[in-house]
Amino acid sequence: MTKSNQKLHFVVYGREECHLCQEMIVALHNLQAQRSFDLEVIDIDKDAELVKRYNDKVPVLMSLSDQEEICHYHLDLAAFDAYVAKTL
């Protein structure tokens, strides 16, 4: 559990037909078998503001609680672990 005793919650901003997005989502689902966190996937193409913000960066992994970008394009395990460590 985190300092505030809340489960970590992450969001992947991506696109339906994006192979990098699908790879990151699968990798995160595999990580969920080892670590406890919630994951939400948001298709940016359903929101013009999200397209404007993330268009060329997808997939983007963000912490939902503080809106901190953890990584983009590929799952960066070192960045993910560093983020988790600082929230514990």
PDB file of N, CA and C in Angstrom:
ATOM      1  N   MET A   1       0.832  -1.187   0.000  1.00  0.00           N
ATOM      2  CA  MET A   1       0.000   0.000   0.000  1.00  0.00           C
ATOM      3  C   MET A   1       0.880   1.255   0.000  1.00  0.00           C
ATOM      4  N   THR A   2       0.325   2.323  -0.479  1.00  0.00           N
ATOM      5  CA  THR A   2       1.045   3.580  -0.535  1.00  0.00           C
ATOM      6  C   THR A   2       0.995   4.278   0.806  1.00  0.00           C
ATOM      7  N   LYS A   3       1.683   5.411   0.901  1.00  0.00           N
ATOM      8  CA  LYS A   3       1.691   6.197   2.130  1.00  0.00           C
ATOM      9  C   LYS A   3       0.285   6.494   2.607  1.00  0.00           C
ATOM     10  N   SER A   4      -0.600   6.752   1.687  1.00  0.00           N
ATOM     11  CA  SER A   4      -1.978   7.093   2.050  1.00  0.00           C
ATOM     12  C   SER A   4      -2.872   5.850   2.135  1.00  0.00           C
ATOM     13  N   ASN A   5      -2.239   4.654   2.078  1.00  0.00           N
ATOM     14  CA  ASN A   5      -2.972   3.383   2.138  1.00  0.00           C
ATOM     15  C   ASN A   5      -3.978   3.223   1.008  1.00  0.00           C
ATOM     16  N   GLN A   6      -3.689   3.809  -0.122  1.00  0.00           N
ATOM     17  CA  GLN A   6      -4.541   3.638  -1.298  1.00  0.00           C
ATOM     18  C   GLN A   6      -3.774   2.838  -2.346  1.00  0.00           C
ATOM     19  N   LYS A   7      -4.505   2.046  -3.085  1.00  0.00           N
ATOM     20  CA  LYS A   7      -3.908   1.263  -4.159  1.00  0.00           C
ATOM     21  C   LYS A   7      -3.434   2.205  -5.267  1.00  0.00           C
ATOM     22  N   LEU A   8      -2.292   1.895  -5.856  1.00  0.00           N
ATOM     23  CA  LEU A   8      -1.802   2.687  -6.982  1.00  0.00           C
ATOM     24  C   LEU A   8      -2.748   2.537  -8.161  1.00  0.00           C
ATOM     25  N   HIS A   9      -2.957   3.625  -8.873  1.00  0.00           N
ATOM     26  CA  HIS A   9      -3.859   3.628 -10.022  1.00  0.00           C
ATOM     27  C   HIS A   9      -3.142   4.329 -11.172  1.00  0.00           C
ATOM     28  N   PHE A  10      -3.006   3.594 -12.272  1.00  0.00           N
ATOM     29  CA  PHE A  10      -2.336   4.125 -13.454  1.00  0.00           C
ATOM     30  C   PHE A  10      -3.296   4.167 -14.627  1.00  0.00           C
ATOM     31  N   VAL A  11      -2.975   5.033 -15.584  1.00  0.00           N
ATOM     32  CA  VAL A  11      -3.760   5.119 -16.808  1.00  0.00           C
ATOM     33  C   VAL A  11      -2.802   5.092 -17.996  1.00  0.00           C
ATOM     34  N   VAL A  12      -3.191   4.358 -19.020  1.00  0.00           N
ATOM     35  CA  VAL A  12      -2.465   4.358 -20.290  1.00  0.00           C
ATOM     36  C   VAL A  12      -3.315   5.135 -21.284  1.00  0.00           C
ATOM     37  N   TYR A  13      -2.755   6.217 -21.803  1.00  0.00           N
ATOM     38  CA  TYR A  13      -3.394   6.953 -22.891  1.00  0.00           C
ATOM     39  C   TYR A  13      -2.843   6.370 -24.181  1.00  0.00           C
ATOM     40  N   GLY A  14      -3.744   5.880 -25.026  1.00  0.00           N
ATOM     41  CA  GLY A  14      -3.290   5.247 -26.252  1.00  0.00           C
ATOM     42  C   GLY A  14      -4.349   5.269 -27.329  1.00  0.00           C
ATOM     43  N   ARG A  15      -4.148   4.409 -28.295  1.00  0.00           N
ATOM     44  CA  ARG A  15      -5.072   4.275 -29.428  1.00  0.00           C
ATOM     45  C   ARG A  15      -5.407   2.813 -29.627  1.00  0.00           C
ATOM     46  N   GLU A  16      -6.577   2.571 -30.149  1.00  0.00           N
ATOM     47  CA  GLU A  16      -7.038   1.204 -30.398  1.00  0.00           C
ATOM     48  C   GLU A  16      -6.111   0.453 -31.351  1.00  0.00           C
ATOM     49  N   GLU A  17      -5.745   1.069 -32.446  1.00  0.00           N
ATOM     50  CA  GLU A  17      -4.941   0.402 -33.488  1.00  0.00           C
ATOM     51  C   GLU A  17      -3.457   0.763 -33.375  1.00  0.00           C
ATOM     52  N   CYS A  18      -2.927   0.722 -32.170  1.00  0.00           N
ATOM     53  CA  CYS A  18      -1.531   1.103 -31.930  1.00  0.00           C
ATOM     54  C   CYS A  18      -0.796  -0.093 -31.335  1.00  0.00           C
ATOM     55  N   HIS A  19       0.164  -0.648 -32.066  1.00  0.00           N
ATOM     56  CA  HIS A  19       0.865  -1.836 -31.565  1.00  0.00           C
ATOM     57  C   HIS A  19       1.703  -1.538 -30.328  1.00  0.00           C
ATOM     58  N   LEU A  20       2.296  -0.340 -30.256  1.00  0.00           N
ATOM     59  CA  LEU A  20       3.053   0.026 -29.057  1.00  0.00           C
ATOM     60  C   LEU A  20       2.133   0.114 -27.842  1.00  0.00           C
ATOM     61  N   CYS A  21       0.933   0.629 -28.061  1.00  0.00           N
ATOM     62  CA  CYS A  21      -0.045   0.734 -26.973  1.00  0.00           C
ATOM     63  C   CYS A  21      -0.407  -0.655 -26.469  1.00  0.00           C
ATOM     64  N   GLN A  22      -0.685  -1.557 -27.392  1.00  0.00           N
ATOM     65  CA  GLN A  22      -1.061  -2.912 -27.008  1.00  0.00           C
ATOM     66  C   GLN A  22       0.080  -3.613 -26.266  1.00  0.00           C
ATOM     67  N   GLU A  23       1.316  -3.391 -26.706  1.00  0.00           N
ATOM     68  CA  GLU A  23       2.466  -3.990 -26.032  1.00  0.00           C
ATOM     69  C   GLU A  23       2.593  -3.484 -24.606  1.00  0.00           C
ATOM     70  N   MET A  24       2.418  -2.168 -24.400  1.00  0.00           N
ATOM     71  CA  MET A  24       2.521  -1.606 -23.052  1.00  0.00           C
ATOM     72  C   MET A  24       1.404  -2.144 -22.161  1.00  0.00           C
ATOM     73  N   ILE A  25       0.209  -2.236 -22.690  1.00  0.00           N
ATOM     74  CA  ILE A  25      -0.936  -2.717 -21.910  1.00  0.00           C
ATOM     75  C   ILE A  25      -0.723  -4.170 -21.486  1.00  0.00           C
ATOM     76  N   VAL A  26      -0.255  -5.007 -22.407  1.00  0.00           N
ATOM     77  CA  VAL A  26       0.016  -6.414 -22.077  1.00  0.00           C
ATOM     78  C   VAL A  26       1.102  -6.501 -21.004  1.00  0.00           C
ATOM     79  N   ALA A  27       2.163  -5.722 -21.151  1.00  0.00           N
ATOM     80  CA  ALA A  27       3.250  -5.743 -20.166  1.00  0.00           C
ATOM     81  C   ALA A  27       2.745  -5.311 -18.789  1.00  0.00           C
ATOM     82  N   LEU A  28       1.883  -4.306 -18.746  1.00  0.00           N
ATOM     83  CA  LEU A  28       1.324  -3.852 -17.471  1.00  0.00           C
ATOM     84  C   LEU A  28       0.390  -4.896 -16.867  1.00  0.00           C
ATOM     85  N   HIS A  29      -0.405  -5.547 -17.699  1.00  0.00           N
ATOM     86  CA  HIS A  29      -1.264  -6.622 -17.194  1.00  0.00           C
ATOM     87  C   HIS A  29      -0.419  -7.756 -16.614  1.00  0.00           C
ATOM     88  N   ASN A  30       0.702  -8.067 -17.248  1.00  0.00           N
ATOM     89  CA  ASN A  30       1.608  -9.087 -16.714  1.00  0.00           C
ATOM     90  C   ASN A  30       2.188  -8.654 -15.371  1.00  0.00           C
ATOM     91  N   LEU A  31       2.515  -7.371 -15.242  1.00  0.00           N
ATOM     92  CA  LEU A  31       3.028  -6.843 -13.977  1.00  0.00           C
ATOM     93  C   LEU A  31       1.984  -6.921 -12.861  1.00  0.00           C
ATOM     94  N   GLN A  32       0.721  -6.775 -13.226  1.00  0.00           N
ATOM     95  CA  GLN A  32      -0.344  -6.841 -12.220  1.00  0.00           C
ATOM     96  C   GLN A  32      -0.386  -8.195 -11.524  1.00  0.00           C
ATOM     97  N   ALA A  33       0.138  -9.227 -12.146  1.00  0.00           N
ATOM     98  CA  ALA A  33       0.188 -10.541 -11.513  1.00  0.00           C
ATOM     99  C   ALA A  33       1.198 -10.562 -10.366  1.00  0.00           C
ATOM    100  N   GLN A  34       2.146  -9.621 -10.398  1.00  0.00           N
ATOM    101  CA  GLN A  34       3.198  -9.554  -9.381  1.00  0.00           C
ATOM    102  C   GLN A  34       2.991  -8.417  -8.386  1.00  0.00           C
ATOM    103  N   ARG A  35       2.321  -7.365  -8.819  1.00  0.00           N
ATOM    104  CA  ARG A  35       2.173  -6.160  -8.002  1.00  0.00           C
ATOM    105  C   ARG A  35       0.713  -5.724  -8.012  1.00  0.00           C
ATOM    106  N   SER A  36       0.308  -5.091  -6.945  1.00  0.00           N
ATOM    107  CA  SER A  36      -1.088  -4.673  -6.825  1.00  0.00           C
ATOM    108  C   SER A  36      -1.263  -3.223  -7.285  1.00  0.00           C
ATOM    109  N   PHE A  37      -1.927  -3.047  -8.419  1.00  0.00           N
ATOM    110  CA  PHE A  37      -2.261  -1.705  -8.895  1.00  0.00           C
ATOM    111  C   PHE A  37      -3.441  -1.801  -9.846  1.00  0.00           C
ATOM    112  N   ASP A  38      -4.164  -0.702  -9.947  1.00  0.00           N
ATOM    113  CA  ASP A  38      -5.275  -0.606 -10.894  1.00  0.00           C
ATOM    114  C   ASP A  38      -4.769   0.011 -12.182  1.00  0.00           C
ATOM    115  N   LEU A  39      -5.360  -0.410 -13.286  1.00  0.00           N
ATOM    116  CA  LEU A  39      -4.956   0.095 -14.595  1.00  0.00           C
ATOM    117  C   LEU A  39      -6.199   0.440 -15.404  1.00  0.00           C
ATOM    118  N   GLU A  40      -6.181   1.632 -15.947  1.00  0.00           N
ATOM    119  CA  GLU A  40      -7.253   2.099 -16.826  1.00  0.00           C
ATOM    120  C   GLU A  40      -6.618   2.409 -18.183  1.00  0.00           C
ATOM    121  N   VAL A  41      -7.329   2.106 -19.246  1.00  0.00           N
ATOM    122  CA  VAL A  41      -6.854   2.394 -20.600  1.00  0.00           C
ATOM    123  C   VAL A  41      -7.838   3.368 -21.225  1.00  0.00           C
ATOM    124  N   ILE A  42      -7.301   4.482 -21.741  1.00  0.00           N
ATOM    125  CA  ILE A  42      -8.147   5.504 -22.359  1.00  0.00           C
ATOM    126  C   ILE A  42      -7.718   5.706 -23.805  1.00  0.00           C
ATOM    127  N   ASP A  43      -8.674   5.585 -24.718  1.00  0.00           N
ATOM    128  CA  ASP A  43      -8.440   5.812 -26.148  1.00  0.00           C
ATOM    129  C   ASP A  43      -8.494   7.318 -26.395  1.00  0.00           C
ATOM    130  N   ILE A  44      -7.346   7.894 -26.720  1.00  0.00           N
ATOM    131  CA  ILE A  44      -7.293   9.346 -26.893  1.00  0.00           C
ATOM    132  C   ILE A  44      -8.123   9.829 -28.069  1.00  0.00           C
ATOM    133  N   ASP A  45      -8.383   8.963 -29.051  1.00  0.00           N
ATOM    134  CA  ASP A  45      -9.126   9.375 -30.235  1.00  0.00           C
ATOM    135  C   ASP A  45     -10.588   9.695 -29.945  1.00  0.00           C
ATOM    136  N   LYS A  46     -11.043   9.428 -28.739  1.00  0.00           N
ATOM    137  CA  LYS A  46     -12.422   9.747 -28.351  1.00  0.00           C
ATOM    138  C   LYS A  46     -12.531  11.109 -27.673  1.00  0.00           C
ATOM    139  N   ASP A  47     -11.392  11.827 -27.566  1.00  0.00           N
ATOM    140  CA  ASP A  47     -11.374  13.124 -26.889  1.00  0.00           C
ATOM    141  C   ASP A  47     -10.362  14.037 -27.583  1.00  0.00           C
ATOM    142  N   ALA A  48     -10.838  15.090 -28.215  1.00  0.00           N
ATOM    143  CA  ALA A  48      -9.973  15.987 -28.989  1.00  0.00           C
ATOM    144  C   ALA A  48      -8.866  16.599 -28.134  1.00  0.00           C
ATOM    145  N   GLU A  49      -9.151  16.897 -26.878  1.00  0.00           N
ATOM    146  CA  GLU A  49      -8.133  17.471 -25.991  1.00  0.00           C
ATOM    147  C   GLU A  49      -7.013  16.470 -25.721  1.00  0.00           C
ATOM    148  N   LEU A  50      -7.373  15.208 -25.549  1.00  0.00           N
ATOM    149  CA  LEU A  50      -6.349  14.178 -25.331  1.00  0.00           C
ATOM    150  C   LEU A  50      -5.517  13.954 -26.590  1.00  0.00           C
ATOM    151  N   VAL A  51      -6.145  14.028 -27.754  1.00  0.00           N
ATOM    152  CA  VAL A  51      -5.395  13.918 -29.018  1.00  0.00           C
ATOM    153  C   VAL A  51      -4.381  15.049 -29.101  1.00  0.00           C
ATOM    154  N   LYS A  52      -4.815  16.248 -28.771  1.00  0.00           N
ATOM    155  CA  LYS A  52      -3.921  17.406 -28.822  1.00  0.00           C
ATOM    156  C   LYS A  52      -2.743  17.233 -27.856  1.00  0.00           C
ATOM    157  N   ARG A  53      -3.012  16.688 -26.682  1.00  0.00           N
ATOM    158  CA  ARG A  53      -1.990  16.546 -25.643  1.00  0.00           C
ATOM    159  C   ARG A  53      -1.031  15.377 -25.896  1.00  0.00           C
ATOM    160  N   TYR A  54      -1.549  14.232 -26.376  1.00  0.00           N
ATOM    161  CA  TYR A  54      -0.741  13.018 -26.425  1.00  0.00           C
ATOM    162  C   TYR A  54      -0.535  12.426 -27.814  1.00  0.00           C
ATOM    163  N   ASN A  55      -1.005  13.047 -28.839  1.00  0.00           N
ATOM    164  CA  ASN A  55      -1.028  12.487 -30.192  1.00  0.00           C
ATOM    165  C   ASN A  55       0.234  11.739 -30.594  1.00  0.00           C
ATOM    166  N   ASP A  56       1.377  12.380 -30.521  1.00  0.00           N
ATOM    167  CA  ASP A  56       2.621  11.773 -30.999  1.00  0.00           C
ATOM    168  C   ASP A  56       3.385  11.019 -29.918  1.00  0.00           C
ATOM    169  N   LYS A  57       2.859  10.958 -28.699  1.00  0.00           N
ATOM    170  CA  LYS A  57       3.577  10.319 -27.595  1.00  0.00           C
ATOM    171  C   LYS A  57       3.008   8.959 -27.206  1.00  0.00           C
ATOM    172  N   VAL A  58       1.858   8.570 -27.723  1.00  0.00           N
ATOM    173  CA  VAL A  58       1.210   7.347 -27.253  1.00  0.00           C
ATOM    174  C   VAL A  58       2.068   6.121 -27.506  1.00  0.00           C
ATOM    175  N   PRO A  59       1.978   5.150 -26.628  1.00  0.00           N
ATOM    176  CA  PRO A  59       1.225   5.170 -25.386  1.00  0.00           C
ATOM    177  C   PRO A  59       1.943   5.966 -24.294  1.00  0.00           C
ATOM    178  N   VAL A  60       1.162   6.552 -23.411  1.00  0.00           N
ATOM    179  CA  VAL A  60       1.691   7.312 -22.284  1.00  0.00           C
ATOM    180  C   VAL A  60       1.157   6.668 -21.010  1.00  0.00           C
ATOM    181  N   LEU A  61       2.062   6.323 -20.102  1.00  0.00           N
ATOM    182  CA  LEU A  61       1.672   5.779 -18.799  1.00  0.00           C
ATOM    183  C   LEU A  61       1.744   6.897 -17.781  1.00  0.00           C
ATOM    184  N   MET A  62       0.625   7.128 -17.113  1.00  0.00           N
ATOM    185  CA  MET A  62       0.522   8.196 -16.112  1.00  0.00           C
ATOM    186  C   MET A  62       0.025   7.620 -14.796  1.00  0.00           C
ATOM    187  N   SER A  63       0.442   8.271 -13.729  1.00  0.00           N
ATOM    188  CA  SER A  63      -0.157   7.999 -12.431  1.00  0.00           C
ATOM    189  C   SER A  63      -1.445   8.801 -12.382  1.00  0.00           C
ATOM    190  N   LEU A  64      -2.533   8.157 -12.042  1.00  0.00           N
ATOM    191  CA  LEU A  64      -3.808   8.867 -12.005  1.00  0.00           C
ATOM    192  C   LEU A  64      -3.889   9.799 -10.805  1.00  0.00           C
ATOM    193  N   SER A  65      -3.252   9.430  -9.701  1.00  0.00           N
ATOM    194  CA  SER A  65      -3.376  10.233  -8.483  1.00  0.00           C
ATOM    195  C   SER A  65      -2.723  11.599  -8.590  1.00  0.00           C
ATOM    196  N   ASP A  66      -1.545  11.673  -9.207  1.00  0.00           N
ATOM    197  CA  ASP A  66      -0.865  12.975  -9.282  1.00  0.00           C
ATOM    198  C   ASP A  66      -0.565  13.427 -10.711  1.00  0.00           C
ATOM    199  N   GLN A  67      -1.102  12.697 -11.688  1.00  0.00           N
ATOM    200  CA  GLN A  67      -0.944  13.036 -13.107  1.00  0.00           C
ATOM    201  C   GLN A  67       0.518  13.131 -13.530  1.00  0.00           C
ATOM    202  N   GLU A  68       1.373  12.333 -12.894  1.00  0.00           N
ATOM    203  CA  GLU A  68       2.781  12.305 -13.271  1.00  0.00           C
ATOM    204  C   GLU A  68       2.988  11.324 -14.416  1.00  0.00           C
ATOM    205  N   GLU A  69       3.643  11.795 -15.477  1.00  0.00           N
ATOM    206  CA  GLU A  69       3.975  10.897 -16.585  1.00  0.00           C
ATOM    207  C   GLU A  69       5.136  10.017 -16.168  1.00  0.00           C
ATOM    208  N   ILE A  70       4.950   8.717 -16.305  1.00  0.00           N
ATOM    209  CA  ILE A  70       5.981   7.768 -15.913  1.00  0.00           C
ATOM    210  C   ILE A  70       6.841   7.392 -17.110  1.00  0.00           C
ATOM    211  N   CYS A  71       6.207   7.124 -18.245  1.00  0.00           N
ATOM    212  CA  CYS A  71       6.952   6.799 -19.455  1.00  0.00           C
ATOM    213  C   CYS A  71       6.015   6.895 -20.657  1.00  0.00           C
ATOM    214  N   HIS A  72       6.617   6.861 -21.841  1.00  0.00           N
ATOM    215  CA  HIS A  72       5.822   6.815 -23.061  1.00  0.00           C
ATOM    216  C   HIS A  72       6.559   5.971 -24.105  1.00  0.00           C
ATOM    217  N   TYR A  73       5.832   5.574 -25.130  1.00  0.00           N
ATOM    218  CA  TYR A  73       6.272   4.679 -26.212  1.00  0.00           C
ATOM    219  C   TYR A  73       6.430   3.224 -25.765  1.00  0.00           C
ATOM    220  N   HIS A  74       7.206   2.986 -24.708  1.00  0.00           N
ATOM    221  CA  HIS A  74       7.441   1.627 -24.207  1.00  0.00           C
ATOM    222  C   HIS A  74       7.387   1.664 -22.688  1.00  0.00           C
ATOM    223  N   LEU A  75       7.043   0.532 -22.072  1.00  0.00           N
ATOM    224  CA  LEU A  75       7.044   0.461 -20.624  1.00  0.00           C
ATOM    225  C   LEU A  75       8.490   0.503 -20.132  1.00  0.00           C
ATOM    226  N   ASP A  76       8.804   1.522 -19.366  1.00  0.00           N
ATOM    227  CA  ASP A  76      10.124   1.686 -18.761  1.00  0.00           C
ATOM    228  C   ASP A  76      10.024   1.154 -17.335  1.00  0.00           C
ATOM    229  N   LEU A  77      10.462  -0.091 -17.132  1.00  0.00           N
ATOM    230  CA  LEU A  77      10.339  -0.724 -15.822  1.00  0.00           C
ATOM    231  C   LEU A  77      11.104   0.029 -14.739  1.00  0.00           C
ATOM    232  N   ALA A  78      12.253   0.587 -15.086  1.00  0.00           N
ATOM    233  CA  ALA A  78      13.026   1.346 -14.096  1.00  0.00           C
ATOM    234  C   ALA A  78      12.238   2.582 -13.647  1.00  0.00           C
ATOM    235  N   ALA A  79      11.623   3.278 -14.575  1.00  0.00           N
ATOM    236  CA  ALA A  79      10.818   4.454 -14.229  1.00  0.00           C
ATOM    237  C   ALA A  79       9.581   4.054 -13.432  1.00  0.00           C
ATOM    238  N   PHE A  80       8.962   2.931 -13.816  1.00  0.00           N
ATOM    239  CA  PHE A  80       7.787   2.432 -13.096  1.00  0.00           C
ATOM    240  C   PHE A  80       8.172   2.080 -11.664  1.00  0.00           C
ATOM    241  N   ASP A  81       9.276   1.330 -11.504  1.00  0.00           N
ATOM    242  CA  ASP A  81       9.725   0.941 -10.172  1.00  0.00           C
ATOM    243  C   ASP A  81      10.113   2.156  -9.327  1.00  0.00           C
ATOM    244  N   ALA A  82      10.749   3.140  -9.933  1.00  0.00           N
ATOM    245  CA  ALA A  82      11.127   4.352  -9.209  1.00  0.00           C
ATOM    246  C   ALA A  82       9.878   5.100  -8.728  1.00  0.00           C
ATOM    247  N   TYR A  83       8.879   5.170  -9.584  1.00  0.00           N
ATOM    248  CA  TYR A  83       7.639   5.845  -9.181  1.00  0.00           C
ATOM    249  C   TYR A  83       6.982   5.095  -8.015  1.00  0.00           C
ATOM    250  N   VAL A  84       6.891   3.782  -8.134  1.00  0.00           N
ATOM    251  CA  VAL A  84       6.264   2.980  -7.075  1.00  0.00           C
ATOM    252  C   VAL A  84       7.046   3.129  -5.777  1.00  0.00           C
ATOM    253  N   ALA A  85       8.372   3.089  -5.843  1.00  0.00           N
ATOM    254  CA  ALA A  85       9.207   3.187  -4.641  1.00  0.00           C
ATOM    255  C   ALA A  85       8.997   4.519  -3.925  1.00  0.00           C
ATOM    256  N   LYS A  86       8.864   5.604  -4.682  1.00  0.00           N
ATOM    257  CA  LYS A  86       8.706   6.903  -4.030  1.00  0.00           C
ATOM    258  C   LYS A  86       7.312   7.103  -3.433  1.00  0.00           C
ATOM    259  N   THR A  87       6.354   6.288  -3.850  1.00  0.00           N
ATOM    260  CA  THR A  87       5.004   6.425  -3.297  1.00  0.00           C
ATOM    261  C   THR A  87       4.770   5.518  -2.102  1.00  0.00           C
ATOM    262  N   LEU A  88       5.694   4.601  -1.844  1.00  0.00           N
ATOM    263  CA  LEU A  88       5.542   3.691  -0.701  1.00  0.00           C
ATOM    264  C   LEU A  88       5.940   4.351   0.598  1.00  0.00           C
TER     265      LEU A  88
END
